[in-house]
Every structure is written in structure tokens, then in C-alpha cells.
Amino acid sequence: MSTILQPQRDMLEIAQDEFIMRDRILKILKKDGPKTIKELAEELNYPTREIVVWLFGLRRYGEVEEVGRPDIDGYFKYEFVEKQEEESNG
């Protein structure tokens, strides 16, 4: 998807792609390590606006987290978070 030639998609269209993009984003973060929103947008060839929606959904559910301080452009790096199995209360 070209970010220059394509019209801006509405939130419903972006949300419909969430599960597909969730897997793609997590695969990149697992393979390559922490990345900024801008880096993910360039690698996936999607607008940063859409990456923000998907990434913040992942962040909300604890699948990614910010690492360190923002870069010179104000972008944080985000990394994959290994989920630990909850201990059973026995």
C-alpha cells in the first residue's frame, strides 16, 4: 500500500486489519528487536497513523512496551513482551 497515492482510510477499515497487522508487527519485533512507529511504518509500508492504532492496541494488552527514551523525532521504540504464565493459587 503506497502511503502517497492512497486516500486516508477511516478507523473502521483500520480496525478490520488489526488481527492481521498484530501478527505482522509482533513477528517483526520478535525477529528484529525494538522498533519505532516510524520504522514499523516504513517496513510494513503503512502510514504511521495506522501503525499507531495497531501498536497501541498491542500496548494496551501488554504485548508490547516502550523501551528507553524517545528518539530525536519523539518516537519511542517498542519491543515484544514475553507473557509469563500466571502462577496458580493452590
C-alpha atoms as a PDB file:
ATOM      1  CA  MET A   1       0.000   0.000   0.000  1.00  0.00           C
ATOM      2  CA  SER A   2       1.582   3.274  -1.060  1.00  0.00           C
ATOM      3  CA  THR A   3       1.310   5.958   1.601  1.00  0.00           C
ATOM      4  CA  ILE A   4       1.464   8.701  -1.033  1.00  0.00           C
ATOM      5  CA  LEU A   5      -1.143   7.642  -3.567  1.00  0.00           C
ATOM      6  CA  GLN A   6      -3.753   6.011  -1.307  1.00  0.00           C
ATOM      7  CA  PRO A   7      -6.505   8.094   0.320  1.00  0.00           C
ATOM      8  CA  GLN A   8      -6.610   8.073   4.108  1.00  0.00           C
ATOM      9  CA  ARG A   9      -8.638   5.108   5.396  1.00  0.00           C
ATOM     10  CA  ASP A  10     -11.304   5.518   8.061  1.00  0.00           C
ATOM     11  CA  MET A  11     -10.993   3.929  11.523  1.00  0.00           C
ATOM     12  CA  LEU A  12     -13.355   1.059  10.708  1.00  0.00           C
ATOM     13  CA  GLU A  13     -11.142  -0.070   7.824  1.00  0.00           C
ATOM     14  CA  ILE A  14      -8.038   0.237  10.002  1.00  0.00           C
ATOM     15  CA  ALA A  15      -9.671  -1.712  12.838  1.00  0.00           C
ATOM     16  CA  GLN A  16     -10.684  -4.511  10.459  1.00  0.00           C
ATOM     17  CA  ASP A  17      -6.991  -5.117   9.695  1.00  0.00           C
ATOM     18  CA  GLU A  18      -5.999  -5.238  13.376  1.00  0.00           C
ATOM     19  CA  PHE A  19      -5.578  -9.009  13.740  1.00  0.00           C
ATOM     20  CA  ILE A  20      -3.581  -9.352  10.522  1.00  0.00           C
ATOM     21  CA  MET A  21      -1.337  -6.422  11.384  1.00  0.00           C
ATOM     22  CA  ARG A  22      -0.977  -7.527  15.005  1.00  0.00           C
ATOM     23  CA  ASP A  23       0.699 -10.709  13.838  1.00  0.00           C
ATOM     24  CA  ARG A  24       2.926  -8.879  11.334  1.00  0.00           C
ATOM     25  CA  ILE A  25       4.045  -6.288  13.897  1.00  0.00           C
ATOM     26  CA  LEU A  26       4.794  -8.903  16.563  1.00  0.00           C
ATOM     27  CA  LYS A  27       6.724 -11.019  14.051  1.00  0.00           C
ATOM     28  CA  ILE A  28       8.957  -8.047  13.197  1.00  0.00           C
ATOM     29  CA  LEU A  29       9.529  -7.101  16.834  1.00  0.00           C
ATOM     30  CA  LYS A  30      10.344 -10.704  17.786  1.00  0.00           C
ATOM     31  CA  LYS A  31      12.762 -11.086  14.865  1.00  0.00           C
ATOM     32  CA  ASP A  32      14.451  -7.679  14.740  1.00  0.00           C
ATOM     33  CA  GLY A  33      14.028  -6.326  18.261  1.00  0.00           C
ATOM     34  CA  PRO A  34      12.711  -2.893  19.289  1.00  0.00           C
ATOM     35  CA  LYS A  35      11.493  -0.508  16.581  1.00  0.00           C
ATOM     36  CA  THR A  36       9.860   2.912  16.441  1.00  0.00           C
ATOM     37  CA  ILE A  37       6.449   3.587  14.926  1.00  0.00           C
ATOM     38  CA  LYS A  38       8.196   5.245  12.001  1.00  0.00           C
ATOM     39  CA  GLU A  39      10.448   2.219  11.428  1.00  0.00           C
ATOM     40  CA  LEU A  40       7.468  -0.154  11.538  1.00  0.00           C
ATOM     41  CA  ALA A  41       5.524   2.059   9.120  1.00  0.00           C
ATOM     42  CA  GLU A  42       8.417   2.048   6.647  1.00  0.00           C
ATOM     43  CA  GLU A  43       8.968  -1.701   6.924  1.00  0.00           C
ATOM     44  CA  LEU A  44       5.273  -2.563   6.587  1.00  0.00           C
ATOM     45  CA  ASN A  45       4.584   0.211   4.049  1.00  0.00           C
ATOM     46  CA  TYR A  46       1.619   1.616   6.007  1.00  0.00           C
ATOM     47  CA  PRO A  47       1.024   5.159   7.272  1.00  0.00           C
ATOM     48  CA  THR A  48       2.252   5.925  10.785  1.00  0.00           C
ATOM     49  CA  ARG A  49      -1.346   6.828  11.724  1.00  0.00           C
ATOM     50  CA  GLU A  50      -2.417   3.222  11.157  1.00  0.00           C
ATOM     51  CA  ILE A  51       0.631   1.737  12.896  1.00  0.00           C
ATOM     52  CA  VAL A  52      -0.199   3.847  15.971  1.00  0.00           C
ATOM     53  CA  VAL A  53      -3.695   2.346  16.173  1.00  0.00           C
ATOM     54  CA  TRP A  54      -2.440  -1.237  15.931  1.00  0.00           C
ATOM     55  CA  LEU A  55       0.607  -0.734  18.149  1.00  0.00           C
ATOM     56  CA  PHE A  56      -1.362   0.968  20.917  1.00  0.00           C
ATOM     57  CA  GLY A  57      -3.821  -1.931  20.878  1.00  0.00           C
ATOM     58  CA  LEU A  58      -0.863  -4.265  21.430  1.00  0.00           C
ATOM     59  CA  ARG A  59       0.424  -1.949  24.161  1.00  0.00           C
ATOM     60  CA  ARG A  60      -2.946  -1.829  25.892  1.00  0.00           C
ATOM     61  CA  TYR A  61      -2.983  -5.610  26.254  1.00  0.00           C
ATOM     62  CA  GLY A  62       0.637  -5.852  27.379  1.00  0.00           C
ATOM     63  CA  GLU A  63       2.048  -7.434  24.223  1.00  0.00           C
ATOM     64  CA  VAL A  64       4.497  -4.587  23.562  1.00  0.00           C
ATOM     65  CA  GLU A  65       6.054  -1.876  25.697  1.00  0.00           C
ATOM     66  CA  GLU A  66       8.134   1.267  25.260  1.00  0.00           C
ATOM     67  CA  VAL A  67      11.888   0.954  25.616  1.00  0.00           C
ATOM     68  CA  GLY A  68      14.083   3.782  26.862  1.00  0.00           C
ATOM     69  CA  ARG A  69      13.599   7.395  25.836  1.00  0.00           C
ATOM     70  CA  PRO A  70      12.151   8.817  22.609  1.00  0.00           C
ATOM     71  CA  ASP A  71      14.482   9.456  19.687  1.00  0.00           C
ATOM     72  CA  ILE A  72      15.209  12.931  18.309  1.00  0.00           C
ATOM     73  CA  ASP A  73      11.905  12.881  16.376  1.00  0.00           C
ATOM     74  CA  GLY A  74       9.962  11.973  19.529  1.00  0.00           C
ATOM     75  CA  TYR A  75       9.398   8.299  18.672  1.00  0.00           C
ATOM     76  CA  PHE A  76       9.751   5.637  21.370  1.00  0.00           C
ATOM     77  CA  LYS A  77      10.994   2.191  20.457  1.00  0.00           C
ATOM     78  CA  TYR A  78       8.593  -0.632  21.212  1.00  0.00           C
ATOM     79  CA  GLU A  79       9.533  -4.207  21.978  1.00  0.00           C
ATOM     80  CA  PHE A  80       7.708  -7.516  22.213  1.00  0.00           C
ATOM     81  CA  VAL A  81       6.855  -8.592  25.771  1.00  0.00           C
ATOM     82  CA  GLU A  82       7.091 -12.283  26.628  1.00  0.00           C
ATOM     83  CA  LYS A  83       3.997 -13.166  28.611  1.00  0.00           C
ATOM     84  CA  GLN A  84       4.735 -15.186  31.699  1.00  0.00           C
ATOM     85  CA  GLU A  85       2.314 -17.883  32.702  1.00  0.00           C
ATOM     86  CA  GLU A  86       0.325 -16.910  35.779  1.00  0.00           C
ATOM     87  CA  GLU A  87       1.060 -18.942  38.852  1.00  0.00           C
ATOM     88  CA  SER A  88      -1.894 -20.930  40.057  1.00  0.00           C
ATOM     89  CA  ASN A  89      -3.151 -20.258  43.543  1.00  0.00           C
ATOM     90  CA  GLY A  90      -3.205 -23.692  45.055  1.00  0.00           C
END
